[in-house]
Amino acid sequence: MIYLGQIPKKLLVIIGIVVAVVIIGIVIVVSGGKEPLPPPPEVTKKPVNEVLVDNVINVSLEKAFNIGSILYGSDSRYPETQDNVTTTEKFIKVVVQAQNVGKEESENNIWGIGDIIDSEGRRFPYSKTADFWLPVENECGSALKPGFTPVSCSRIYEIAKISEGLKVEVVSGAGIRAKKVGTIDLGI
């Protein structure tokens, strides 16, 4: 009978390595020789850049940008008489395009843009005091002929400085009867 003390240390190390290799080989064979799969990639929602209103009017984002905290009277439609309008927060200008993709002319006020909503669910209506900073040819809600070139609709909103993840509502109808049909991501 041979005792462990009688086996040379080098031989014990070699036997230990052989046993470890055999154990690793068995584990690989049992597990199928495959490495664990990486976790699936996170699914990110693509931003919504357009909404179809009543299957007739396609409303899409043209641009949205932060104007800052001052609307300068000199930039308004009446630069000689218009005073500056200021806020402690920020003004956001949103411009969308609308096009009739249907077969017949639409009626007035069957489409439009409503409130801006931030990632916290805060709602900001458009600022009526900022109307003098919008183009004269602002065609929000106008009747649209099928297949004609898209028209522009602009609104200026006063929103909180801390607001992020901004979206603008797209509505069907106008006034009290307006119904939200979707939102467009503003990317700001």
N, C-alpha and C. Protein backbone atom coordinates (compact mmCIF):
# COMPACT_ATOMS: atom_id res chain seq x y z
N MET A 1 0.83 -1.16 0.00
CA MET A 1 0.00 0.00 0.00
C MET A 1 0.89 1.25 0.00
N ILE A 2 0.47 2.26 -0.82
CA ILE A 2 1.26 3.48 -0.94
C ILE A 2 0.54 4.59 -0.19
N TYR A 3 1.27 5.31 0.61
CA TYR A 3 0.72 6.44 1.35
C TYR A 3 1.01 7.74 0.60
N LEU A 4 0.17 8.76 0.81
CA LEU A 4 0.33 10.04 0.13
C LEU A 4 1.71 10.64 0.38
N GLY A 5 2.21 10.45 1.54
CA GLY A 5 3.52 10.98 1.88
C GLY A 5 4.63 10.37 1.05
N GLN A 6 4.38 9.16 0.52
CA GLN A 6 5.40 8.48 -0.27
C GLN A 6 5.38 8.93 -1.74
N ILE A 7 4.30 9.58 -2.23
CA ILE A 7 4.20 10.03 -3.63
C ILE A 7 4.91 11.37 -3.74
N PRO A 8 5.75 11.51 -4.74
CA PRO A 8 6.46 12.79 -4.90
C PRO A 8 5.46 13.93 -5.15
N LYS A 9 5.79 15.12 -4.67
CA LYS A 9 4.90 16.28 -4.78
C LYS A 9 4.64 16.65 -6.22
N LYS A 10 5.62 16.50 -7.10
CA LYS A 10 5.43 16.84 -8.50
C LYS A 10 4.36 15.95 -9.12
N LEU A 11 4.36 14.68 -8.75
CA LEU A 11 3.37 13.75 -9.28
C LEU A 11 1.98 14.11 -8.78
N LEU A 12 1.86 14.53 -7.51
CA LEU A 12 0.57 14.95 -6.95
C LEU A 12 0.02 16.17 -7.70
N VAL A 13 0.88 17.12 -8.04
CA VAL A 13 0.47 18.32 -8.79
C VAL A 13 -0.04 17.91 -10.16
N ILE A 14 0.68 16.99 -10.82
CA ILE A 14 0.27 16.54 -12.16
C ILE A 14 -1.07 15.82 -12.07
N ILE A 15 -1.26 14.98 -11.08
CA ILE A 15 -2.54 14.27 -10.91
C ILE A 15 -3.65 15.28 -10.65
N GLY A 16 -3.39 16.29 -9.85
CA GLY A 16 -4.39 17.32 -9.57
C GLY A 16 -4.80 18.08 -10.83
N ILE A 17 -3.82 18.39 -11.67
CA ILE A 17 -4.12 19.09 -12.92
C ILE A 17 -4.95 18.20 -13.84
N VAL A 18 -4.59 16.93 -13.95
CA VAL A 18 -5.34 15.99 -14.79
C VAL A 18 -6.78 15.88 -14.29
N VAL A 19 -6.97 15.77 -12.99
CA VAL A 19 -8.33 15.67 -12.42
C VAL A 19 -9.12 16.95 -12.72
N ALA A 20 -8.50 18.11 -12.60
CA ALA A 20 -9.18 19.38 -12.87
C ALA A 20 -9.59 19.46 -14.34
N VAL A 21 -8.71 19.06 -15.27
CA VAL A 21 -9.02 19.09 -16.70
C VAL A 21 -10.18 18.15 -17.00
N VAL A 22 -10.18 16.96 -16.38
CA VAL A 22 -11.28 16.00 -16.59
C VAL A 22 -12.59 16.59 -16.08
N ILE A 23 -12.60 17.23 -14.93
CA ILE A 23 -13.82 17.82 -14.36
C ILE A 23 -14.33 18.94 -15.28
N ILE A 24 -13.42 19.81 -15.76
CA ILE A 24 -13.82 20.89 -16.67
C ILE A 24 -14.38 20.32 -17.96
N GLY A 25 -13.76 19.27 -18.49
CA GLY A 25 -14.26 18.63 -19.71
C GLY A 25 -15.66 18.07 -19.51
N ILE A 26 -15.90 17.43 -18.35
CA ILE A 26 -17.23 16.88 -18.06
C ILE A 26 -18.26 18.01 -17.98
N VAL A 27 -17.92 19.12 -17.34
CA VAL A 27 -18.84 20.26 -17.21
C VAL A 27 -19.18 20.82 -18.59
N ILE A 28 -18.18 20.93 -19.46
CA ILE A 28 -18.42 21.46 -20.80
C ILE A 28 -19.32 20.52 -21.59
N VAL A 29 -19.07 19.22 -21.51
CA VAL A 29 -19.90 18.25 -22.24
C VAL A 29 -21.33 18.28 -21.72
N VAL A 30 -21.50 18.33 -20.40
CA VAL A 30 -22.84 18.33 -19.81
C VAL A 30 -23.59 19.61 -20.18
N SER A 31 -22.91 20.75 -20.21
CA SER A 31 -23.59 22.01 -20.53
C SER A 31 -23.75 22.24 -22.03
N GLY A 32 -23.30 21.31 -22.84
CA GLY A 32 -23.46 21.42 -24.28
C GLY A 32 -22.36 22.22 -24.92
N GLY A 33 -21.37 22.62 -24.19
CA GLY A 33 -20.25 23.35 -24.75
C GLY A 33 -20.59 24.77 -25.16
N LYS A 34 -21.74 25.25 -24.72
CA LYS A 34 -22.17 26.59 -25.11
C LYS A 34 -21.97 27.57 -23.97
N GLU A 35 -21.58 28.77 -24.35
CA GLU A 35 -21.51 29.83 -23.36
C GLU A 35 -22.92 30.34 -23.13
N PRO A 36 -23.19 30.89 -21.95
CA PRO A 36 -24.54 31.44 -21.73
C PRO A 36 -24.81 32.58 -22.70
N LEU A 37 -26.05 32.67 -23.14
CA LEU A 37 -26.45 33.72 -24.07
C LEU A 37 -26.44 35.07 -23.38
N PRO A 38 -26.04 36.11 -24.11
CA PRO A 38 -26.11 37.44 -23.51
C PRO A 38 -27.57 37.86 -23.34
N PRO A 39 -27.85 38.77 -22.42
CA PRO A 39 -29.24 39.20 -22.25
C PRO A 39 -29.74 39.86 -23.53
N PRO A 40 -31.04 39.75 -23.81
CA PRO A 40 -31.57 40.38 -25.03
C PRO A 40 -31.38 41.88 -24.98
N PRO A 41 -31.19 42.52 -26.14
CA PRO A 41 -31.01 43.97 -26.14
C PRO A 41 -32.28 44.66 -25.68
N GLU A 42 -32.09 45.82 -25.06
CA GLU A 42 -33.25 46.57 -24.61
C GLU A 42 -34.03 47.07 -25.81
N VAL A 43 -35.34 46.93 -25.74
CA VAL A 43 -36.19 47.40 -26.82
C VAL A 43 -36.47 48.88 -26.58
N THR A 44 -36.04 49.70 -27.51
CA THR A 44 -36.29 51.13 -27.39
C THR A 44 -37.35 51.52 -28.40
N LYS A 45 -38.28 52.31 -27.93
CA LYS A 45 -39.34 52.77 -28.82
C LYS A 45 -38.80 53.85 -29.74
N LYS A 46 -39.12 53.72 -31.01
CA LYS A 46 -38.73 54.75 -31.95
C LYS A 46 -39.61 55.96 -31.74
N PRO A 47 -39.05 57.15 -31.91
CA PRO A 47 -39.88 58.34 -31.74
C PRO A 47 -40.98 58.39 -32.80
N VAL A 48 -42.13 58.89 -32.38
CA VAL A 48 -43.25 59.06 -33.30
C VAL A 48 -43.13 60.43 -33.93
N ASN A 49 -43.01 60.47 -35.24
CA ASN A 49 -42.83 61.74 -35.93
C ASN A 49 -44.05 62.15 -36.74
N GLU A 50 -45.07 61.29 -36.81
CA GLU A 50 -46.28 61.65 -37.54
C GLU A 50 -47.48 60.89 -37.00
N VAL A 51 -48.65 61.49 -37.19
CA VAL A 51 -49.91 60.91 -36.73
C VAL A 51 -50.93 61.12 -37.84
N LEU A 52 -51.77 60.12 -38.06
CA LEU A 52 -52.83 60.22 -39.06
C LEU A 52 -54.14 60.56 -38.35
N VAL A 53 -54.76 61.65 -38.77
CA VAL A 53 -56.01 62.12 -38.16
C VAL A 53 -57.18 61.68 -39.04
N ASP A 54 -58.11 60.93 -38.47
CA ASP A 54 -59.31 60.48 -39.16
C ASP A 54 -59.01 59.79 -40.49
N ASN A 55 -57.87 59.13 -40.59
CA ASN A 55 -57.45 58.43 -41.81
C ASN A 55 -57.40 59.34 -43.03
N VAL A 56 -57.28 60.64 -42.80
CA VAL A 56 -57.30 61.60 -43.91
C VAL A 56 -56.13 62.58 -43.85
N ILE A 57 -55.82 63.11 -42.67
CA ILE A 57 -54.81 64.16 -42.54
C ILE A 57 -53.57 63.58 -41.86
N ASN A 58 -52.45 63.62 -42.59
CA ASN A 58 -51.18 63.18 -42.02
C ASN A 58 -50.48 64.41 -41.42
N VAL A 59 -50.27 64.38 -40.10
CA VAL A 59 -49.61 65.48 -39.39
C VAL A 59 -48.23 64.99 -38.99
N SER A 60 -47.19 65.73 -39.40
CA SER A 60 -45.82 65.32 -39.11
C SER A 60 -45.02 66.50 -38.56
N LEU A 61 -44.01 66.18 -37.76
CA LEU A 61 -43.17 67.20 -37.16
C LEU A 61 -42.23 67.79 -38.21
N GLU A 62 -42.25 69.11 -38.34
CA GLU A 62 -41.29 69.80 -39.20
C GLU A 62 -40.09 70.22 -38.36
N LYS A 63 -40.35 70.90 -37.22
CA LYS A 63 -39.28 71.27 -36.31
C LYS A 63 -39.86 71.69 -34.97
N ALA A 64 -39.03 71.59 -33.96
CA ALA A 64 -39.37 72.06 -32.61
C ALA A 64 -38.08 72.54 -31.98
N PHE A 65 -38.14 73.70 -31.32
CA PHE A 65 -36.92 74.22 -30.72
C PHE A 65 -37.25 75.14 -29.54
N ASN A 66 -36.25 75.28 -28.67
CA ASN A 66 -36.33 76.12 -27.49
C ASN A 66 -36.00 77.55 -27.90
N ILE A 67 -36.95 78.47 -27.72
CA ILE A 67 -36.74 79.88 -28.07
C ILE A 67 -35.97 80.59 -26.96
N GLY A 68 -36.12 80.12 -25.74
CA GLY A 68 -35.50 80.78 -24.59
C GLY A 68 -36.58 81.38 -23.71
N SER A 69 -36.22 82.35 -22.92
CA SER A 69 -37.17 82.92 -21.95
C SER A 69 -37.74 84.27 -22.37
N ILE A 70 -37.33 84.76 -23.55
CA ILE A 70 -37.82 86.08 -24.01
C ILE A 70 -38.30 85.97 -25.46
N LEU A 71 -39.51 86.47 -25.69
CA LEU A 71 -39.98 86.68 -27.06
C LEU A 71 -39.77 88.16 -27.33
N TYR A 72 -38.84 88.47 -28.20
CA TYR A 72 -38.49 89.87 -28.46
C TYR A 72 -39.53 90.52 -29.36
N GLY A 73 -40.01 91.68 -28.94
CA GLY A 73 -40.99 92.43 -29.72
C GLY A 73 -40.50 92.71 -31.13
N SER A 74 -39.20 92.90 -31.27
CA SER A 74 -38.63 93.18 -32.60
C SER A 74 -38.74 91.98 -33.54
N ASP A 75 -38.99 90.79 -33.01
CA ASP A 75 -39.14 89.58 -33.84
C ASP A 75 -40.61 89.28 -34.14
N SER A 76 -41.52 90.07 -33.62
CA SER A 76 -42.95 89.82 -33.80
C SER A 76 -43.44 90.38 -35.14
N ARG A 77 -44.71 90.18 -35.42
CA ARG A 77 -45.30 90.74 -36.65
C ARG A 77 -45.42 92.26 -36.57
N TYR A 78 -45.40 92.82 -35.37
CA TYR A 78 -45.53 94.27 -35.16
C TYR A 78 -44.34 94.79 -34.39
N PRO A 79 -43.15 94.78 -35.01
CA PRO A 79 -41.94 95.13 -34.27
C PRO A 79 -41.90 96.56 -33.75
N GLU A 80 -42.67 97.47 -34.36
CA GLU A 80 -42.65 98.86 -33.91
C GLU A 80 -43.40 99.05 -32.60
N THR A 81 -44.40 98.22 -32.35
CA THR A 81 -45.26 98.44 -31.19
C THR A 81 -45.28 97.30 -30.18
N GLN A 82 -44.78 96.14 -30.54
CA GLN A 82 -44.88 94.97 -29.67
C GLN A 82 -43.79 94.98 -28.60
N ASP A 83 -44.20 94.85 -27.35
CA ASP A 83 -43.24 94.73 -26.24
C ASP A 83 -42.70 93.31 -26.17
N ASN A 84 -41.58 93.16 -25.50
CA ASN A 84 -41.04 91.82 -25.24
C ASN A 84 -41.97 91.08 -24.29
N VAL A 85 -42.04 89.77 -24.45
CA VAL A 85 -42.77 88.91 -23.51
C VAL A 85 -41.73 88.01 -22.86
N THR A 86 -41.72 87.98 -21.54
CA THR A 86 -40.73 87.18 -20.83
C THR A 86 -41.40 86.14 -19.94
N THR A 87 -40.63 85.13 -19.60
CA THR A 87 -41.07 84.09 -18.68
C THR A 87 -39.90 83.71 -17.79
N THR A 88 -40.20 83.15 -16.65
CA THR A 88 -39.14 82.61 -15.79
C THR A 88 -38.80 81.19 -16.23
N GLU A 89 -39.55 80.65 -17.16
CA GLU A 89 -39.36 79.28 -17.64
C GLU A 89 -38.78 79.31 -19.06
N LYS A 90 -39.43 78.67 -20.03
CA LYS A 90 -38.92 78.71 -21.41
C LYS A 90 -40.06 78.62 -22.41
N PHE A 91 -39.82 79.17 -23.59
CA PHE A 91 -40.77 79.10 -24.70
C PHE A 91 -40.27 78.05 -25.69
N ILE A 92 -41.18 77.23 -26.16
CA ILE A 92 -40.88 76.21 -27.16
C ILE A 92 -41.75 76.49 -28.39
N LYS A 93 -41.13 76.51 -29.56
CA LYS A 93 -41.89 76.67 -30.80
C LYS A 93 -41.97 75.31 -31.48
N VAL A 94 -43.20 74.95 -31.90
CA VAL A 94 -43.45 73.69 -32.59
C VAL A 94 -44.05 74.01 -33.95
N VAL A 95 -43.49 73.40 -34.99
CA VAL A 95 -44.01 73.56 -36.35
C VAL A 95 -44.29 72.16 -36.90
N VAL A 96 -45.54 71.92 -37.29
CA VAL A 96 -45.90 70.65 -37.92
C VAL A 96 -46.37 70.92 -39.34
N GLN A 97 -46.38 69.88 -40.14
CA GLN A 97 -46.93 69.94 -41.48
C GLN A 97 -48.13 69.01 -41.52
N ALA A 98 -49.13 69.40 -42.29
CA ALA A 98 -50.32 68.56 -42.45
C ALA A 98 -50.61 68.42 -43.93
N GLN A 99 -50.98 67.20 -44.31
CA GLN A 99 -51.30 66.93 -45.70
C GLN A 99 -52.50 66.00 -45.77
N ASN A 100 -53.40 66.31 -46.68
CA ASN A 100 -54.58 65.47 -46.91
C ASN A 100 -54.15 64.28 -47.77
N VAL A 101 -54.21 63.08 -47.18
CA VAL A 101 -53.85 61.87 -47.91
C VAL A 101 -55.10 61.10 -48.33
N GLY A 102 -56.26 61.73 -48.15
CA GLY A 102 -57.53 61.11 -48.52
C GLY A 102 -57.89 61.40 -49.97
N LYS A 103 -59.18 61.25 -50.27
CA LYS A 103 -59.68 61.41 -51.64
C LYS A 103 -60.50 62.68 -51.84
N GLU A 104 -60.95 63.31 -50.74
CA GLU A 104 -61.81 64.49 -50.84
C GLU A 104 -61.26 65.61 -49.96
N GLU A 105 -61.66 66.83 -50.27
CA GLU A 105 -61.24 67.98 -49.47
C GLU A 105 -61.76 67.83 -48.04
N SER A 106 -60.91 68.17 -47.09
CA SER A 106 -61.33 68.09 -45.68
C SER A 106 -62.06 69.37 -45.28
N GLU A 107 -62.76 69.29 -44.19
CA GLU A 107 -63.43 70.46 -43.64
C GLU A 107 -62.43 71.25 -42.80
N ASN A 108 -62.79 72.49 -42.46
CA ASN A 108 -61.99 73.29 -41.53
C ASN A 108 -62.04 72.65 -40.16
N ASN A 109 -60.96 72.81 -39.42
CA ASN A 109 -60.87 72.42 -38.01
C ASN A 109 -61.11 70.95 -37.73
N ILE A 110 -60.74 70.05 -38.66
CA ILE A 110 -60.82 68.63 -38.31
C ILE A 110 -59.49 68.11 -37.80
N TRP A 111 -58.47 68.97 -37.80
CA TRP A 111 -57.16 68.56 -37.31
C TRP A 111 -56.49 69.75 -36.62
N GLY A 112 -55.51 69.46 -35.81
CA GLY A 112 -54.75 70.51 -35.14
C GLY A 112 -53.76 69.92 -34.16
N ILE A 113 -53.03 70.81 -33.49
CA ILE A 113 -52.14 70.35 -32.42
C ILE A 113 -52.62 70.98 -31.12
N GLY A 114 -52.53 70.19 -30.06
CA GLY A 114 -53.00 70.63 -28.76
C GLY A 114 -51.86 70.91 -27.81
N ASP A 115 -51.98 70.40 -26.59
CA ASP A 115 -51.01 70.66 -25.52
C ASP A 115 -49.69 69.95 -25.76
N ILE A 116 -48.64 70.49 -25.13
CA ILE A 116 -47.38 69.76 -24.99
C ILE A 116 -47.47 69.01 -23.68
N ILE A 117 -47.00 67.77 -23.69
CA ILE A 117 -46.99 66.93 -22.48
C ILE A 117 -45.54 66.52 -22.25
N ASP A 118 -45.07 66.65 -20.99
CA ASP A 118 -43.70 66.24 -20.71
C ASP A 118 -43.68 64.83 -20.14
N SER A 119 -42.48 64.32 -19.85
CA SER A 119 -42.33 62.94 -19.39
C SER A 119 -42.97 62.70 -18.03
N GLU A 120 -43.27 63.75 -17.28
CA GLU A 120 -43.93 63.63 -15.98
C GLU A 120 -45.45 63.76 -16.10
N GLY A 121 -45.95 63.93 -17.32
CA GLY A 121 -47.39 64.07 -17.53
C GLY A 121 -47.92 65.48 -17.36
N ARG A 122 -47.03 66.45 -17.17
CA ARG A 122 -47.47 67.84 -17.05
C ARG A 122 -47.92 68.33 -18.42
N ARG A 123 -49.01 69.10 -18.44
CA ARG A 123 -49.60 69.59 -19.69
C ARG A 123 -49.42 71.09 -19.81
N PHE A 124 -49.04 71.52 -21.01
CA PHE A 124 -48.82 72.94 -21.27
C PHE A 124 -49.59 73.33 -22.53
N PRO A 125 -50.64 74.17 -22.39
CA PRO A 125 -51.37 74.62 -23.58
C PRO A 125 -50.54 75.65 -24.34
N TYR A 126 -50.88 75.84 -25.61
CA TYR A 126 -50.10 76.83 -26.36
C TYR A 126 -50.40 78.21 -25.81
N SER A 127 -49.41 79.10 -25.93
CA SER A 127 -49.48 80.43 -25.34
C SER A 127 -50.14 81.39 -26.33
N LYS A 128 -51.37 81.79 -26.04
CA LYS A 128 -52.07 82.72 -26.93
C LYS A 128 -51.41 84.09 -26.94
N THR A 129 -50.68 84.44 -25.88
CA THR A 129 -49.98 85.73 -25.86
C THR A 129 -48.83 85.75 -26.86
N ALA A 130 -48.44 84.58 -27.38
CA ALA A 130 -47.33 84.50 -28.33
C ALA A 130 -47.79 84.48 -29.78
N ASP A 131 -49.08 84.68 -30.03
CA ASP A 131 -49.59 84.61 -31.40
C ASP A 131 -48.92 85.61 -32.34
N PHE A 132 -48.48 86.75 -31.84
CA PHE A 132 -47.84 87.75 -32.70
C PHE A 132 -46.46 87.30 -33.17
N TRP A 133 -45.93 86.22 -32.65
CA TRP A 133 -44.64 85.69 -33.07
C TRP A 133 -44.80 84.52 -34.04
N LEU A 134 -46.04 84.24 -34.44
CA LEU A 134 -46.31 83.16 -35.39
C LEU A 134 -46.51 83.75 -36.79
N PRO A 135 -46.25 82.97 -37.83
CA PRO A 135 -46.42 83.51 -39.18
C PRO A 135 -47.89 83.82 -39.48
N VAL A 136 -48.09 84.81 -40.35
CA VAL A 136 -49.45 85.18 -40.75
C VAL A 136 -50.12 84.00 -41.44
N GLU A 137 -49.37 83.27 -42.25
CA GLU A 137 -49.91 82.12 -42.98
C GLU A 137 -49.91 80.86 -42.12
N ASN A 138 -50.26 80.97 -40.88
CA ASN A 138 -50.32 79.83 -39.99
C ASN A 138 -51.61 79.07 -40.28
N GLU A 139 -51.51 77.87 -40.81
CA GLU A 139 -52.68 77.18 -41.34
C GLU A 139 -53.20 76.07 -40.44
N CYS A 140 -53.06 76.22 -39.14
CA CYS A 140 -53.56 75.21 -38.21
C CYS A 140 -55.06 75.00 -38.42
N GLY A 141 -55.44 73.76 -38.65
CA GLY A 141 -56.86 73.42 -38.76
C GLY A 141 -57.50 73.76 -40.09
N SER A 142 -56.74 74.25 -41.06
CA SER A 142 -57.34 74.68 -42.32
C SER A 142 -57.85 73.48 -43.12
N ALA A 143 -58.83 73.75 -44.00
CA ALA A 143 -59.33 72.73 -44.92
C ALA A 143 -58.20 72.39 -45.89
N LEU A 144 -58.06 71.10 -46.18
CA LEU A 144 -56.96 70.66 -47.04
C LEU A 144 -57.50 69.87 -48.23
N LYS A 145 -56.97 70.17 -49.39
CA LYS A 145 -57.35 69.45 -50.61
C LYS A 145 -56.48 68.20 -50.72
N PRO A 146 -57.03 67.12 -51.26
CA PRO A 146 -56.26 65.86 -51.32
C PRO A 146 -55.05 65.97 -52.25
N GLY A 147 -53.91 65.49 -51.75
CA GLY A 147 -52.70 65.43 -52.54
C GLY A 147 -51.96 66.74 -52.70
N PHE A 148 -52.49 67.83 -52.16
CA PHE A 148 -51.80 69.12 -52.27
C PHE A 148 -50.56 69.12 -51.38
N THR A 149 -49.67 70.07 -51.63
CA THR A 149 -48.47 70.24 -50.83
C THR A 149 -48.86 70.44 -49.36
N PRO A 150 -48.10 69.87 -48.42
CA PRO A 150 -48.42 70.05 -47.00
C PRO A 150 -48.41 71.52 -46.59
N VAL A 151 -49.23 71.85 -45.59
CA VAL A 151 -49.28 73.19 -45.02
C VAL A 151 -48.61 73.17 -43.65
N SER A 152 -48.15 74.34 -43.19
CA SER A 152 -47.49 74.43 -41.89
C SER A 152 -48.43 74.98 -40.82
N CYS A 153 -48.26 74.46 -39.63
CA CYS A 153 -49.01 74.91 -38.45
C CYS A 153 -47.99 75.14 -37.35
N SER A 154 -47.96 76.35 -36.78
CA SER A 154 -46.99 76.71 -35.75
C SER A 154 -47.69 77.10 -34.46
N ARG A 155 -47.09 76.75 -33.35
CA ARG A 155 -47.58 77.16 -32.03
C ARG A 155 -46.36 77.43 -31.15
N ILE A 156 -46.52 78.34 -30.21
CA ILE A 156 -45.49 78.61 -29.20
C ILE A 156 -46.09 78.28 -27.84
N TYR A 157 -45.32 77.55 -27.05
CA TYR A 157 -45.75 77.08 -25.74
C TYR A 157 -44.81 77.62 -24.67
N GLU A 158 -45.37 77.94 -23.51
CA GLU A 158 -44.57 78.29 -22.35
C GLU A 158 -44.57 77.07 -21.46
N ILE A 159 -43.38 76.50 -21.21
CA ILE A 159 -43.30 75.27 -20.42
C ILE A 159 -42.25 75.41 -19.32
N ALA A 160 -42.27 74.48 -18.39
CA ALA A 160 -41.32 74.49 -17.28
C ALA A 160 -39.91 74.19 -17.77
N LYS A 161 -38.92 74.86 -17.18
CA LYS A 161 -37.52 74.63 -17.53
C LYS A 161 -37.12 73.17 -17.33
N ILE A 162 -37.69 72.55 -16.31
CA ILE A 162 -37.28 71.19 -15.96
C ILE A 162 -37.93 70.13 -16.83
N SER A 163 -38.84 70.52 -17.70
CA SER A 163 -39.56 69.54 -18.52
C SER A 163 -38.65 68.88 -19.54
N GLU A 164 -38.81 67.56 -19.67
CA GLU A 164 -38.05 66.76 -20.62
C GLU A 164 -39.01 65.80 -21.32
N GLY A 165 -38.55 65.13 -22.35
CA GLY A 165 -39.35 64.14 -23.05
C GLY A 165 -40.63 64.72 -23.61
N LEU A 166 -40.51 65.84 -24.29
CA LEU A 166 -41.69 66.59 -24.74
C LEU A 166 -42.37 65.95 -25.94
N LYS A 167 -43.70 65.95 -25.89
CA LYS A 167 -44.55 65.47 -26.99
C LYS A 167 -45.66 66.48 -27.18
N VAL A 168 -46.11 66.62 -28.42
CA VAL A 168 -47.25 67.50 -28.69
C VAL A 168 -48.43 66.61 -29.10
N GLU A 169 -49.60 66.96 -28.56
CA GLU A 169 -50.81 66.22 -28.92
C GLU A 169 -51.25 66.59 -30.33
N VAL A 170 -51.72 65.62 -31.05
CA VAL A 170 -52.37 65.85 -32.33
C VAL A 170 -53.85 65.56 -32.08
N VAL A 171 -54.70 66.51 -32.50
CA VAL A 171 -56.13 66.39 -32.19
C VAL A 171 -56.97 66.35 -33.46
N SER A 172 -58.12 65.74 -33.29
CA SER A 172 -59.14 65.73 -34.33
C SER A 172 -60.25 66.65 -33.85
N GLY A 173 -60.60 67.62 -34.66
CA GLY A 173 -61.62 68.58 -34.26
C GLY A 173 -60.99 69.78 -33.59
N ALA A 174 -61.84 70.66 -33.10
CA ALA A 174 -61.35 71.90 -32.48
C ALA A 174 -62.21 72.24 -31.27
N GLY A 175 -61.67 73.11 -30.44
CA GLY A 175 -62.41 73.59 -29.27
C GLY A 175 -62.73 72.48 -28.29
N ILE A 176 -63.93 72.53 -27.73
CA ILE A 176 -64.35 71.55 -26.72
C ILE A 176 -64.47 70.16 -27.31
N ARG A 177 -64.78 70.08 -28.59
CA ARG A 177 -64.99 68.78 -29.23
C ARG A 177 -63.69 68.13 -29.70
N ALA A 178 -62.55 68.78 -29.51
CA ALA A 178 -61.28 68.22 -29.96
C ALA A 178 -60.97 66.94 -29.18
N LYS A 179 -60.56 65.91 -29.91
CA LYS A 179 -60.19 64.63 -29.30
C LYS A 179 -58.74 64.31 -29.65
N LYS A 180 -57.99 63.88 -28.66
CA LYS A 180 -56.60 63.50 -28.89
C LYS A 180 -56.56 62.22 -29.73
N VAL A 181 -55.76 62.23 -30.80
CA VAL A 181 -55.62 61.03 -31.63
C VAL A 181 -54.21 60.46 -31.57
N GLY A 182 -53.29 61.19 -30.96
CA GLY A 182 -51.93 60.70 -30.83
C GLY A 182 -51.01 61.82 -30.38
N THR A 183 -49.74 61.47 -30.24
CA THR A 183 -48.73 62.46 -29.88
C THR A 183 -47.53 62.31 -30.81
N ILE A 184 -46.83 63.41 -30.99
CA ILE A 184 -45.60 63.44 -31.78
C ILE A 184 -44.46 63.81 -30.85
N ASP A 185 -43.38 63.00 -30.88
CA ASP A 185 -42.19 63.30 -30.08
C ASP A 185 -41.49 64.51 -30.65
N LEU A 186 -41.14 65.44 -29.78
CA LEU A 186 -40.50 66.68 -30.23
C LEU A 186 -38.98 66.58 -30.28
N GLY A 187 -38.41 65.61 -29.60
CA GLY A 187 -36.96 65.43 -29.64
C GLY A 187 -36.19 66.48 -28.88
N ILE A 188 -36.87 67.24 -28.03
CA ILE A 188 -36.17 68.24 -27.20
C ILE A 188 -36.59 68.09 -25.76
